[in-house]
Amino acid sequence: MGDGGMSITQVWFSFEGRIGRSTFWLKYFLPWLGLNIVAAVIDAITGVPVVALVVGLVGIWVGIAAGAKRCHDRDRTGWFQLIALIPIIGAIWLLIELGFLKGSEGENRFGPDPVVE
């Protein structure tokens, strides 16, 4: 699948290694989106934003970790994600880089190609 054999906890919490585009979408983005929807529904029903706050805080960590591994797959450091701080264009650029562009072929300085494994 392009995850180099990583479990979802490794994808979500580790900053090491590389993940492919399919893993980024299936093991990071879709579960993250689902959790945020559930948190928003719970918040709307109870009126207590604690669940949404916790999901949001964990989501920041998870997003940075998954993003770092996608950056690694593109042979960039995780610090490349700071490009998202550039208003509007930075976030669009990062989404294209992480979500749509193919990773570097073969082994790079961050590990073996996750698509080959």
PDB file of N, CA and C in Angstrom:
ATOM      1  N   MET A   1       0.817  -1.191   0.000  1.00  0.00           N
ATOM      2  CA  MET A   1       0.000   0.000   0.000  1.00  0.00           C
ATOM      3  C   MET A   1       0.860   1.253   0.000  1.00  0.00           C
ATOM      4  N   GLY A   2       2.129   1.145   0.225  1.00  0.00           N
ATOM      5  CA  GLY A   2       2.964   2.334   0.265  1.00  0.00           C
ATOM      6  C   GLY A   2       3.249   2.820   1.666  1.00  0.00           C
ATOM      7  N   ASP A   3       3.122   1.889   2.631  1.00  0.00           N
ATOM      8  CA  ASP A   3       3.366   2.298   4.007  1.00  0.00           C
ATOM      9  C   ASP A   3       4.633   1.694   4.584  1.00  0.00           C
ATOM     10  N   GLY A   4       5.349   0.930   3.797  1.00  0.00           N
ATOM     11  CA  GLY A   4       6.574   0.318   4.284  1.00  0.00           C
ATOM     12  C   GLY A   4       6.330  -0.591   5.477  1.00  0.00           C
ATOM     13  N   GLY A   5       5.123  -1.150   5.600  1.00  0.00           N
ATOM     14  CA  GLY A   5       4.793  -2.054   6.692  1.00  0.00           C
ATOM     15  C   GLY A   5       4.444  -1.357   7.997  1.00  0.00           C
ATOM     16  N   MET A   6       4.182  -0.068   7.966  1.00  0.00           N
ATOM     17  CA  MET A   6       3.872   0.682   9.190  1.00  0.00           C
ATOM     18  C   MET A   6       2.437   0.447   9.640  1.00  0.00           C
ATOM     19  N   SER A   7       2.275   0.329  10.957  1.00  0.00           N
ATOM     20  CA  SER A   7       0.932   0.276  11.530  1.00  0.00           C
ATOM     21  C   SER A   7       0.361   1.693  11.552  1.00  0.00           C
ATOM     22  N   ILE A   8      -0.918   1.799  11.822  1.00  0.00           N
ATOM     23  CA  ILE A   8      -1.536   3.126  11.873  1.00  0.00           C
ATOM     24  C   ILE A   8      -0.948   3.960  13.013  1.00  0.00           C
ATOM     25  N   THR A   9      -0.560   3.312  14.122  1.00  0.00           N
ATOM     26  CA  THR A   9       0.049   4.081  15.219  1.00  0.00           C
ATOM     27  C   THR A   9       1.415   4.620  14.819  1.00  0.00           C
ATOM     28  N   GLN A  10       2.165   3.868  14.023  1.00  0.00           N
ATOM     29  CA  GLN A  10       3.448   4.376  13.531  1.00  0.00           C
ATOM     30  C   GLN A  10       3.235   5.535  12.565  1.00  0.00           C
ATOM     31  N   VAL A  11       2.228   5.414  11.708  1.00  0.00           N
ATOM     32  CA  VAL A  11       1.922   6.500  10.772  1.00  0.00           C
ATOM     33  C   VAL A  11       1.523   7.745  11.551  1.00  0.00           C
ATOM     34  N   TRP A  12       0.718   7.581  12.602  1.00  0.00           N
ATOM     35  CA  TRP A  12       0.181   8.722  13.338  1.00  0.00           C
ATOM     36  C   TRP A  12       1.156   9.350  14.320  1.00  0.00           C
ATOM     37  N   PHE A  13       2.047   8.565  14.914  1.00  0.00           N
ATOM     38  CA  PHE A  13       2.825   9.120  16.026  1.00  0.00           C
ATOM     39  C   PHE A  13       4.335   9.142  15.831  1.00  0.00           C
ATOM     40  N   SER A  14       4.860   8.445  14.843  1.00  0.00           N
ATOM     41  CA  SER A  14       6.302   8.423  14.606  1.00  0.00           C
ATOM     42  C   SER A  14       6.689   9.463  13.557  1.00  0.00           C
ATOM     43  N   PHE A  15       7.875  10.003  13.710  1.00  0.00           N
ATOM     44  CA  PHE A  15       8.391  10.959  12.726  1.00  0.00           C
ATOM     45  C   PHE A  15       9.448  10.305  11.829  1.00  0.00           C
ATOM     46  N   GLU A  16       9.616   9.002  11.952  1.00  0.00           N
ATOM     47  CA  GLU A  16      10.643   8.275  11.211  1.00  0.00           C
ATOM     48  C   GLU A  16      10.059   7.592   9.988  1.00  0.00           C
ATOM     49  N   GLY A  17      10.864   7.487   8.933  1.00  0.00           N
ATOM     50  CA  GLY A  17      10.503   6.706   7.764  1.00  0.00           C
ATOM     51  C   GLY A  17       9.746   7.486   6.701  1.00  0.00           C
ATOM     52  N   ARG A  18       9.175   6.711   5.779  1.00  0.00           N
ATOM     53  CA  ARG A  18       8.483   7.270   4.616  1.00  0.00           C
ATOM     54  C   ARG A  18       7.128   6.597   4.455  1.00  0.00           C
ATOM     55  N   ILE A  19       6.148   7.349   3.956  1.00  0.00           N
ATOM     56  CA  ILE A  19       4.864   6.762   3.569  1.00  0.00           C
ATOM     57  C   ILE A  19       4.487   7.289   2.188  1.00  0.00           C
ATOM     58  N   GLY A  20       3.815   6.443   1.432  1.00  0.00           N
ATOM     59  CA  GLY A  20       3.367   6.835   0.104  1.00  0.00           C
ATOM     60  C   GLY A  20       2.056   7.613   0.159  1.00  0.00           C
ATOM     61  N   ARG A  21       1.620   8.042  -1.015  1.00  0.00           N
ATOM     62  CA  ARG A  21       0.383   8.834  -1.104  1.00  0.00           C
ATOM     63  C   ARG A  21      -0.836   8.067  -0.618  1.00  0.00           C
ATOM     64  N   SER A  22      -0.953   6.797  -0.999  1.00  0.00           N
ATOM     65  CA  SER A  22      -2.142   6.033  -0.594  1.00  0.00           C
ATOM     66  C   SER A  22      -2.217   5.893   0.921  1.00  0.00           C
ATOM     67  N   THR A  23      -1.091   5.671   1.568  1.00  0.00           N
ATOM     68  CA  THR A  23      -1.069   5.581   3.029  1.00  0.00           C
ATOM     69  C   THR A  23      -1.430   6.917   3.650  1.00  0.00           C
ATOM     70  N   PHE A  24      -0.933   7.998   3.074  1.00  0.00           N
ATOM     71  CA  PHE A  24      -1.257   9.331   3.580  1.00  0.00           C
ATOM     72  C   PHE A  24      -2.767   9.541   3.583  1.00  0.00           C
ATOM     73  N   TRP A  25      -3.417   9.172   2.491  1.00  0.00           N
ATOM     74  CA  TRP A  25      -4.864   9.377   2.400  1.00  0.00           C
ATOM     75  C   TRP A  25      -5.642   8.364   3.232  1.00  0.00           C
ATOM     76  N   LEU A  26      -5.264   7.086   3.189  1.00  0.00           N
ATOM     77  CA  LEU A  26      -6.059   6.034   3.834  1.00  0.00           C
ATOM     78  C   LEU A  26      -5.777   5.852   5.321  1.00  0.00           C
ATOM     79  N   LYS A  27      -4.538   6.023   5.750  1.00  0.00           N
ATOM     80  CA  LYS A  27      -4.207   5.812   7.164  1.00  0.00           C
ATOM     81  C   LYS A  27      -4.087   7.107   7.953  1.00  0.00           C
ATOM     82  N   TYR A  28      -4.020   8.223   7.264  1.00  0.00           N
ATOM     83  CA  TYR A  28      -3.967   9.491   7.991  1.00  0.00           C
ATOM     84  C   TYR A  28      -5.212  10.331   7.727  1.00  0.00           C
ATOM     85  N   PHE A  29      -5.416  10.782   6.516  1.00  0.00           N
ATOM     86  CA  PHE A  29      -6.434  11.792   6.249  1.00  0.00           C
ATOM     87  C   PHE A  29      -7.860  11.305   6.505  1.00  0.00           C
ATOM     88  N   LEU A  30      -8.237  10.155   5.964  1.00  0.00           N
ATOM     89  CA  LEU A  30      -9.614   9.682   6.147  1.00  0.00           C
ATOM     90  C   LEU A  30      -9.947   9.406   7.614  1.00  0.00           C
ATOM     91  N   PRO A  31      -9.085   8.701   8.372  1.00  0.00           N
ATOM     92  CA  PRO A  31      -9.386   8.541   9.809  1.00  0.00           C
ATOM     93  C   PRO A  31      -9.431   9.876  10.553  1.00  0.00           C
ATOM     94  N   TRP A  32      -8.520  10.785  10.219  1.00  0.00           N
ATOM     95  CA  TRP A  32      -8.507  12.105  10.858  1.00  0.00           C
ATOM     96  C   TRP A  32      -9.813  12.839  10.579  1.00  0.00           C
ATOM     97  N   LEU A  33     -10.266  12.796   9.339  1.00  0.00           N
ATOM     98  CA  LEU A  33     -11.519  13.448   8.968  1.00  0.00           C
ATOM     99  C   LEU A  33     -12.694  12.839   9.733  1.00  0.00           C
ATOM    100  N   GLY A  34     -12.727  11.507   9.801  1.00  0.00           N
ATOM    101  CA  GLY A  34     -13.793  10.823  10.540  1.00  0.00           C
ATOM    102  C   GLY A  34     -13.816  11.197  12.009  1.00  0.00           C
ATOM    103  N   LEU A  35     -12.647  11.233  12.638  1.00  0.00           N
ATOM    104  CA  LEU A  35     -12.570  11.621  14.053  1.00  0.00           C
ATOM    105  C   LEU A  35     -13.060  13.045  14.265  1.00  0.00           C
ATOM    106  N   ASN A  36     -12.719  13.936  13.364  1.00  0.00           N
ATOM    107  CA  ASN A  36     -13.163  15.323  13.498  1.00  0.00           C
ATOM    108  C   ASN A  36     -14.671  15.457  13.322  1.00  0.00           C
ATOM    109  N   ILE A  37     -15.244  14.676  12.442  1.00  0.00           N
ATOM    110  CA  ILE A  37     -16.699  14.703  12.269  1.00  0.00           C
ATOM    111  C   ILE A  37     -17.385  14.196  13.534  1.00  0.00           C
ATOM    112  N   VAL A  38     -16.898  13.073  14.071  1.00  0.00           N
ATOM    113  CA  VAL A  38     -17.463  12.531  15.313  1.00  0.00           C
ATOM    114  C   VAL A  38     -17.327  13.540  16.446  1.00  0.00           C
ATOM    115  N   ALA A  39     -16.160  14.165  16.571  1.00  0.00           N
ATOM    116  CA  ALA A  39     -15.945  15.163  17.627  1.00  0.00           C
ATOM    117  C   ALA A  39     -16.901  16.342  17.473  1.00  0.00           C
ATOM    118  N   ALA A  40     -17.122  16.782  16.248  1.00  0.00           N
ATOM    119  CA  ALA A  40     -18.041  17.902  16.008  1.00  0.00           C
ATOM    120  C   ALA A  40     -19.476  17.529  16.366  1.00  0.00           C
ATOM    121  N   VAL A  41     -19.870  16.298  16.055  1.00  0.00           N
ATOM    122  CA  VAL A  41     -21.221  15.840  16.394  1.00  0.00           C
ATOM    123  C   VAL A  41     -21.390  15.766  17.909  1.00  0.00           C
ATOM    124  N   ILE A  42     -20.398  15.195  18.600  1.00  0.00           N
ATOM    125  CA  ILE A  42     -20.461  15.118  20.063  1.00  0.00           C
ATOM    126  C   ILE A  42     -20.526  16.515  20.663  1.00  0.00           C
ATOM    127  N   ASP A  43     -19.732  17.419  20.134  1.00  0.00           N
ATOM    128  CA  ASP A  43     -19.750  18.808  20.602  1.00  0.00           C
ATOM    129  C   ASP A  43     -21.129  19.432  20.393  1.00  0.00           C
ATOM    130  N   ALA A  44     -21.718  19.200  19.225  1.00  0.00           N
ATOM    131  CA  ALA A  44     -23.038  19.771  18.925  1.00  0.00           C
ATOM    132  C   ALA A  44     -24.125  19.196  19.834  1.00  0.00           C
ATOM    133  N   ILE A  45     -24.029  17.910  20.148  1.00  0.00           N
ATOM    134  CA  ILE A  45     -25.037  17.261  20.990  1.00  0.00           C
ATOM    135  C   ILE A  45     -24.899  17.682  22.449  1.00  0.00           C
ATOM    136  N   THR A  46     -23.669  17.665  22.948  1.00  0.00           N
ATOM    137  CA  THR A  46     -23.450  17.934  24.375  1.00  0.00           C
ATOM    138  C   THR A  46     -23.227  19.402  24.683  1.00  0.00           C
ATOM    139  N   GLY A  47     -22.750  20.148  23.716  1.00  0.00           N
ATOM    140  CA  GLY A  47     -22.418  21.550  23.965  1.00  0.00           C
ATOM    141  C   GLY A  47     -21.114  21.725  24.718  1.00  0.00           C
ATOM    142  N   VAL A  48     -20.394  20.618  24.921  1.00  0.00           N
ATOM    143  CA  VAL A  48     -19.116  20.654  25.632  1.00  0.00           C
ATOM    144  C   VAL A  48     -18.009  20.366  24.617  1.00  0.00           C
ATOM    145  N   PRO A  49     -17.154  21.344  24.345  1.00  0.00           N
ATOM    146  CA  PRO A  49     -16.151  21.180  23.286  1.00  0.00           C
ATOM    147  C   PRO A  49     -14.894  20.412  23.696  1.00  0.00           C
ATOM    148  N   VAL A  50     -14.928  19.693  24.818  1.00  0.00           N
ATOM    149  CA  VAL A  50     -13.732  18.999  25.301  1.00  0.00           C
ATOM    150  C   VAL A  50     -13.257  17.952  24.298  1.00  0.00           C
ATOM    151  N   VAL A  51     -14.181  17.152  23.764  1.00  0.00           N
ATOM    152  CA  VAL A  51     -13.801  16.105  22.807  1.00  0.00           C
ATOM    153  C   VAL A  51     -13.186  16.736  21.564  1.00  0.00           C
ATOM    154  N   ALA A  52     -13.804  17.787  21.056  1.00  0.00           N
ATOM    155  CA  ALA A  52     -13.276  18.462  19.867  1.00  0.00           C
ATOM    156  C   ALA A  52     -11.895  19.053  20.143  1.00  0.00           C
ATOM    157  N   LEU A  53     -11.701  19.592  21.342  1.00  0.00           N
ATOM    158  CA  LEU A  53     -10.403  20.157  21.709  1.00  0.00           C
ATOM    159  C   LEU A  53      -9.327  19.080  21.751  1.00  0.00           C
ATOM    160  N   VAL A  54      -9.625  17.951  22.388  1.00  0.00           N
ATOM    161  CA  VAL A  54      -8.651  16.854  22.480  1.00  0.00           C
ATOM    162  C   VAL A  54      -8.343  16.305  21.091  1.00  0.00           C
ATOM    163  N   VAL A  55      -9.376  16.067  20.291  1.00  0.00           N
ATOM    164  CA  VAL A  55      -9.168  15.562  18.927  1.00  0.00           C
ATOM    165  C   VAL A  55      -8.340  16.559  18.123  1.00  0.00           C
ATOM    166  N   GLY A  56      -8.615  17.836  18.291  1.00  0.00           N
ATOM    167  CA  GLY A  56      -7.852  18.864  17.580  1.00  0.00           C
ATOM    168  C   GLY A  56      -6.389  18.888  17.967  1.00  0.00           C
ATOM    169  N   LEU A  57      -6.112  18.787  19.268  1.00  0.00           N
ATOM    170  CA  LEU A  57      -4.719  18.805  19.732  1.00  0.00           C
ATOM    171  C   LEU A  57      -3.954  17.565  19.270  1.00  0.00           C
ATOM    172  N   VAL A  58      -4.589  16.402  19.391  1.00  0.00           N
ATOM    173  CA  VAL A  58      -3.949  15.171  18.907  1.00  0.00           C
ATOM    174  C   VAL A  58      -3.787  15.248  17.391  1.00  0.00           C
ATOM    175  N   GLY A  59      -4.773  15.818  16.716  1.00  0.00           N
ATOM    176  CA  GLY A  59      -4.722  15.948  15.262  1.00  0.00           C
ATOM    177  C   GLY A  59      -3.553  16.779  14.769  1.00  0.00           C
ATOM    178  N   ILE A  60      -3.168  17.788  15.535  1.00  0.00           N
ATOM    179  CA  ILE A  60      -2.001  18.601  15.159  1.00  0.00           C
ATOM    180  C   ILE A  60      -0.752  17.732  15.146  1.00  0.00           C
ATOM    181  N   TRP A  61      -0.543  16.959  16.205  1.00  0.00           N
ATOM    182  CA  TRP A  61       0.623  16.072  16.295  1.00  0.00           C
ATOM    183  C   TRP A  61       0.609  15.053  15.158  1.00  0.00           C
ATOM    184  N   VAL A  62      -0.538  14.406  14.986  1.00  0.00           N
ATOM    185  CA  VAL A  62      -0.677  13.362  13.970  1.00  0.00           C
ATOM    186  C   VAL A  62      -0.435  13.932  12.572  1.00  0.00           C
ATOM    187  N   GLY A  63      -0.968  15.108  12.314  1.00  0.00           N
ATOM    188  CA  GLY A  63      -0.777  15.741  11.011  1.00  0.00           C
ATOM    189  C   GLY A  63       0.675  16.063  10.722  1.00  0.00           C
ATOM    190  N   ILE A  64       1.373  16.556  11.731  1.00  0.00           N
ATOM    191  CA  ILE A  64       2.790  16.872  11.549  1.00  0.00           C
ATOM    192  C   ILE A  64       3.595  15.594  11.342  1.00  0.00           C
ATOM    193  N   ALA A  65       3.278  14.529  12.099  1.00  0.00           N
ATOM    194  CA  ALA A  65       4.002  13.259  11.962  1.00  0.00           C
ATOM    195  C   ALA A  65       3.775  12.633  10.587  1.00  0.00           C
ATOM    196  N   ALA A  66       2.518  12.550  10.156  1.00  0.00           N
ATOM    197  CA  ALA A  66       2.222  11.968   8.838  1.00  0.00           C
ATOM    198  C   ALA A  66       2.805  12.843   7.732  1.00  0.00           C
ATOM    199  N   GLY A  67       2.707  14.147   7.898  1.00  0.00           N
ATOM    200  CA  GLY A  67       3.271  15.067   6.915  1.00  0.00           C
ATOM    201  C   GLY A  67       4.779  14.939   6.805  1.00  0.00           C
ATOM    202  N   ALA A  68       5.439  14.744   7.945  1.00  0.00           N
ATOM    203  CA  ALA A  68       6.899  14.577   7.926  1.00  0.00           C
ATOM    204  C   ALA A  68       7.285  13.344   7.118  1.00  0.00           C
ATOM    205  N   LYS A  69       6.547  12.257   7.301  1.00  0.00           N
ATOM    206  CA  LYS A  69       6.864  11.037   6.552  1.00  0.00           C
ATOM    207  C   LYS A  69       6.589  11.199   5.057  1.00  0.00           C
ATOM    208  N   ARG A  70       5.563  11.958   4.699  1.00  0.00           N
ATOM    209  CA  ARG A  70       5.331  12.245   3.274  1.00  0.00           C
ATOM    210  C   ARG A  70       6.438  13.136   2.726  1.00  0.00           C
ATOM    211  N   CYS A  71       6.877  14.108   3.521  1.00  0.00           N
ATOM    212  CA  CYS A  71       8.017  14.943   3.103  1.00  0.00           C
ATOM    213  C   CYS A  71       9.241  14.061   2.880  1.00  0.00           C
ATOM    214  N   HIS A  72       9.471  13.118   3.791  1.00  0.00           N
ATOM    215  CA  HIS A  72      10.605  12.205   3.648  1.00  0.00           C
ATOM    216  C   HIS A  72      10.493  11.418   2.348  1.00  0.00           C
ATOM    217  N   ASP A  73       9.282  10.997   1.995  1.00  0.00           N
ATOM    218  CA  ASP A  73       9.095  10.249   0.755  1.00  0.00           C
ATOM    219  C   ASP A  73       9.421  11.107  -0.461  1.00  0.00           C
ATOM    220  N   ARG A  74       9.262  12.412  -0.334  1.00  0.00           N
ATOM    221  CA  ARG A  74       9.593  13.349  -1.419  1.00  0.00           C
ATOM    222  C   ARG A  74      11.041  13.822  -1.305  1.00  0.00           C
ATOM    223  N   ASP A  75      11.818  13.207  -0.390  1.00  0.00           N
ATOM    224  CA  ASP A  75      13.227  13.529  -0.125  1.00  0.00           C
ATOM    225  C   ASP A  75      13.399  14.965   0.388  1.00  0.00           C
ATOM    226  N   ARG A  76      12.490  15.360   1.254  1.00  0.00           N
ATOM    227  CA  ARG A  76      12.564  16.656   1.933  1.00  0.00           C
ATOM    228  C   ARG A  76      12.512  16.394   3.432  1.00  0.00           C
ATOM    229  N   THR A  77      12.997  17.352   4.216  1.00  0.00           N
ATOM    230  CA  THR A  77      12.885  17.207   5.665  1.00  0.00           C
ATOM    231  C   THR A  77      11.454  17.539   6.087  1.00  0.00           C
ATOM    232  N   GLY A  78      11.100  17.114   7.283  1.00  0.00           N
ATOM    233  CA  GLY A  78       9.781  17.425   7.817  1.00  0.00           C
ATOM    234  C   GLY A  78       9.554  18.919   7.993  1.00  0.00           C
ATOM    235  N   TRP A  79      10.640  19.665   8.108  1.00  0.00           N
ATOM    236  CA  TRP A  79      10.539  21.118   8.261  1.00  0.00           C
ATOM    237  C   TRP A  79       9.915  21.786   7.037  1.00  0.00           C
ATOM    238  N   PHE A  80       9.898  21.088   5.918  1.00  0.00           N
ATOM    239  CA  PHE A  80       9.288  21.636   4.706  1.00  0.00           C
ATOM    240  C   PHE A  80       7.822  22.012   4.946  1.00  0.00           C
ATOM    241  N   GLN A  81       7.189  21.358   5.908  1.00  0.00           N
ATOM    242  CA  GLN A  81       5.784  21.637   6.208  1.00  0.00           C
ATOM    243  C   GLN A  81       5.543  23.079   6.644  1.00  0.00           C
ATOM    244  N   LEU A  82       6.597  23.747   7.081  1.00  0.00           N
ATOM    245  CA  LEU A  82       6.446  25.146   7.493  1.00  0.00           C
ATOM    246  C   LEU A  82       6.017  26.037   6.333  1.00  0.00           C
ATOM    247  N   ILE A  83       6.129  25.527   5.114  1.00  0.00           N
ATOM    248  CA  ILE A  83       5.683  26.298   3.957  1.00  0.00           C
ATOM    249  C   ILE A  83       4.192  26.626   4.066  1.00  0.00           C
ATOM    250  N   ALA A  84       3.464  25.823   4.823  1.00  0.00           N
ATOM    251  CA  ALA A  84       2.030  26.065   5.011  1.00  0.00           C
ATOM    252  C   ALA A  84       1.762  27.377   5.743  1.00  0.00           C
ATOM    253  N   LEU A  85       2.783  27.948   6.370  1.00  0.00           N
ATOM    254  CA  LEU A  85       2.615  29.223   7.070  1.00  0.00           C
ATOM    255  C   LEU A  85       2.495  30.403   6.107  1.00  0.00           C
ATOM    256  N   ILE A  86       2.879  30.193   4.852  1.00  0.00           N
ATOM    257  CA  ILE A  86       2.693  31.241   3.841  1.00  0.00           C
ATOM    258  C   ILE A  86       1.196  31.295   3.537  1.00  0.00           C
ATOM    259  N   PRO A  87       0.563  32.435   3.748  1.00  0.00           N
ATOM    260  CA  PRO A  87      -0.893  32.509   3.573  1.00  0.00           C
ATOM    261  C   PRO A  87      -1.363  31.985   2.212  1.00  0.00           C
ATOM    262  N   ILE A  88      -2.390  31.201   2.249  1.00  0.00           N
ATOM    263  CA  ILE A  88      -3.121  30.604   1.130  1.00  0.00           C
ATOM    264  C   ILE A  88      -2.249  29.708   0.258  1.00  0.00           C
ATOM    265  N   ILE A  89      -1.279  30.266  -0.421  1.00  0.00           N
ATOM    266  CA  ILE A  89      -0.490  29.490  -1.378  1.00  0.00           C
ATOM    267  C   ILE A  89       0.348  28.405  -0.694  1.00  0.00           C
ATOM    268  N   GLY A  90       0.808  28.656   0.524  1.00  0.00           N
ATOM    269  CA  GLY A  90       1.618  27.673   1.236  1.00  0.00           C
ATOM    270  C   GLY A  90       0.847  26.402   1.531  1.00  0.00           C
ATOM    271  N   ALA A  91      -0.382  26.530   2.008  1.00  0.00           N
ATOM    272  CA  ALA A  91      -1.204  25.362   2.316  1.00  0.00           C
ATOM    273  C   ALA A  91      -1.553  24.584   1.047  1.00  0.00           C
ATOM    274  N   ILE A  92      -1.833  25.294  -0.027  1.00  0.00           N
ATOM    275  CA  ILE A  92      -2.143  24.633  -1.302  1.00  0.00           C
ATOM    276  C   ILE A  92      -0.918  23.881  -1.812  1.00  0.00           C
ATOM    277  N   TRP A  93       0.242  24.536  -1.747  1.00  0.00           N
ATOM    278  CA  TRP A  93       1.487  23.909  -2.183  1.00  0.00           C
ATOM    279  C   TRP A  93       1.755  22.646  -1.365  1.00  0.00           C
ATOM    280  N   LEU A  94       1.596  22.734  -0.043  1.00  0.00           N
ATOM    281  CA  LEU A  94       1.848  21.580   0.816  1.00  0.00           C
ATOM    282  C   LEU A  94       0.882  20.441   0.494  1.00  0.00           C
ATOM    283  N   LEU A  95      -0.385  20.751   0.283  1.00  0.00           N
ATOM    284  CA  LEU A  95      -1.359  19.721  -0.071  1.00  0.00           C
ATOM    285  C   LEU A  95      -0.968  19.019  -1.367  1.00  0.00           C
ATOM    286  N   ILE A  96      -0.542  19.765  -2.356  1.00  0.00           N
ATOM    287  CA  ILE A  96      -0.114  19.166  -3.626  1.00  0.00           C
ATOM    288  C   ILE A  96       1.111  18.289  -3.414  1.00  0.00           C
ATOM    289  N   GLU A  97       2.108  18.801  -2.694  1.00  0.00           N
ATOM    290  CA  GLU A  97       3.345  18.045  -2.433  1.00  0.00           C
ATOM    291  C   GLU A  97       3.058  16.738  -1.693  1.00  0.00           C
ATOM    292  N   LEU A  98       2.264  16.808  -0.623  1.00  0.00           N
ATOM    293  CA  LEU A  98       2.056  15.639   0.223  1.00  0.00           C
ATOM    294  C   LEU A  98       0.980  14.701  -0.297  1.00  0.00           C
ATOM    295  N   GLY A  99      -0.053  15.252  -0.881  1.00  0.00           N
ATOM    296  CA  GLY A  99      -1.185  14.424  -1.256  1.00  0.00           C
ATOM    297  C   GLY A  99      -1.215  13.921  -2.676  1.00  0.00           C
ATOM    298  N   PHE A 100      -0.494  14.584  -3.573  1.00  0.00           N
ATOM    299  CA  PHE A 100      -0.668  14.244  -4.986  1.00  0.00           C
ATOM    300  C   PHE A 100       0.615  13.914  -5.743  1.00  0.00           C
ATOM    301  N   LEU A 101       1.760  14.414  -5.300  1.00  0.00           N
ATOM    302  CA  LEU A 101       2.997  14.159  -6.039  1.00  0.00           C
ATOM    303  C   LEU A 101       3.658  12.866  -5.574  1.00  0.00           C
ATOM    304  N   LYS A 102       4.192  12.139  -6.538  1.00  0.00           N
ATOM    305  CA  LYS A 102       4.854  10.865  -6.283  1.00  0.00           C
ATOM    306  C   LYS A 102       6.119  11.077  -5.457  1.00  0.00           C
ATOM    307  N   GLY A 103       6.423  10.115  -4.608  1.00  0.00           N
ATOM    308  CA  GLY A 103       7.650  10.171  -3.819  1.00  0.00           C
ATOM    309  C   GLY A 103       8.871   9.863  -4.664  1.00  0.00           C
ATOM    310  N   SER A 104      10.047  10.096  -4.093  1.00  0.00           N
ATOM    311  CA  SER A 104      11.279   9.789  -4.820  1.00  0.00           C
ATOM    312  C   SER A 104      11.406   8.277  -4.966  1.00  0.00           C
ATOM    313  N   GLU A 105      11.885   7.842  -6.113  1.00  0.00           N
ATOM    314  CA  GLU A 105      11.997   6.413  -6.385  1.00  0.00           C
ATOM    315  C   GLU A 105      13.222   5.837  -5.707  1.00  0.00           C
ATOM    316  N   GLY A 106      13.081   4.621  -5.205  1.00  0.00           N
ATOM    317  CA  GLY A 106      14.183   3.937  -4.553  1.00  0.00           C
ATOM    318  C   GLY A 106      14.476   4.508  -3.177  1.00  0.00           C
ATOM    319  N   GLU A 107      15.541   4.001  -2.593  1.00  0.00           N
ATOM    320  CA  GLU A 107      15.930   4.439  -1.254  1.00  0.00           C
ATOM    321  C   GLU A 107      16.423   5.879  -1.293  1.00  0.00           C
ATOM    322  N   ASN A 108      16.109   6.637  -0.258  1.00  0.00           N
ATOM    323  CA  ASN A 108      16.671   7.976  -0.112  1.00  0.00           C
ATOM    324  C   ASN A 108      17.232   8.112   1.302  1.00  0.00           C
ATOM    325  N   ARG A 109      17.632   9.295   1.698  1.00  0.00           N
ATOM    326  CA  ARG A 109      18.285   9.481   3.001  1.00  0.00           C
ATOM    327  C   ARG A 109      17.354   9.212   4.178  1.00  0.00           C
ATOM    328  N   PHE A 110      16.048   9.055   3.924  1.00  0.00           N
ATOM    329  CA  PHE A 110      15.086   8.813   4.996  1.00  0.00           C
ATOM    330  C   PHE A 110      14.633   7.360   5.073  1.00  0.00           C
ATOM    331  N   GLY A 111      15.108   6.527   4.163  1.00  0.00           N
ATOM    332  CA  GLY A 111      14.759   5.115   4.222  1.00  0.00           C
ATOM    333  C   GLY A 111      14.400   4.539   2.871  1.00  0.00           C
ATOM    334  N   PRO A 112      14.002   3.257   2.888  1.00  0.00           N
ATOM    335  CA  PRO A 112      13.641   2.586   1.638  1.00  0.00           C
ATOM    336  C   PRO A 112      12.323   3.109   1.077  1.00  0.00           C
ATOM    337  N   ASP A 113      12.148   2.897  -0.215  1.00  0.00           N
ATOM    338  CA  ASP A 113      10.928   3.305  -0.909  1.00  0.00           C
ATOM    339  C   ASP A 113       9.748   2.511  -0.344  1.00  0.00           C
ATOM    340  N   PRO A 114       8.735   3.170   0.230  1.00  0.00           N
ATOM    341  CA  PRO A 114       7.617   2.434   0.821  1.00  0.00           C
ATOM    342  C   PRO A 114       6.745   1.723  -0.206  1.00  0.00           C
ATOM    343  N   VAL A 115       6.768   2.159  -1.447  1.00  0.00           N
ATOM    344  CA  VAL A 115       5.944   1.540  -2.479  1.00  0.00           C
ATOM    345  C   VAL A 115       6.540   0.212  -2.916  1.00  0.00           C
ATOM    346  N   VAL A 116       7.856   0.084  -2.868  1.00  0.00           N
ATOM    347  CA  VAL A 116       8.547  -1.129  -3.301  1.00  0.00           C
ATOM    348  C   VAL A 116       8.385  -2.242  -2.282  1.00  0.00           C
ATOM    349  N   GLU A 117       8.372  -1.887  -0.984  1.00  0.00           N
ATOM    350  CA  GLU A 117       8.325  -2.909   0.073  1.00  0.00           C
ATOM    351  C   GLU A 117       7.035  -3.677   0.075  1.00  0.00           C
TER     352      GLU A 117
END
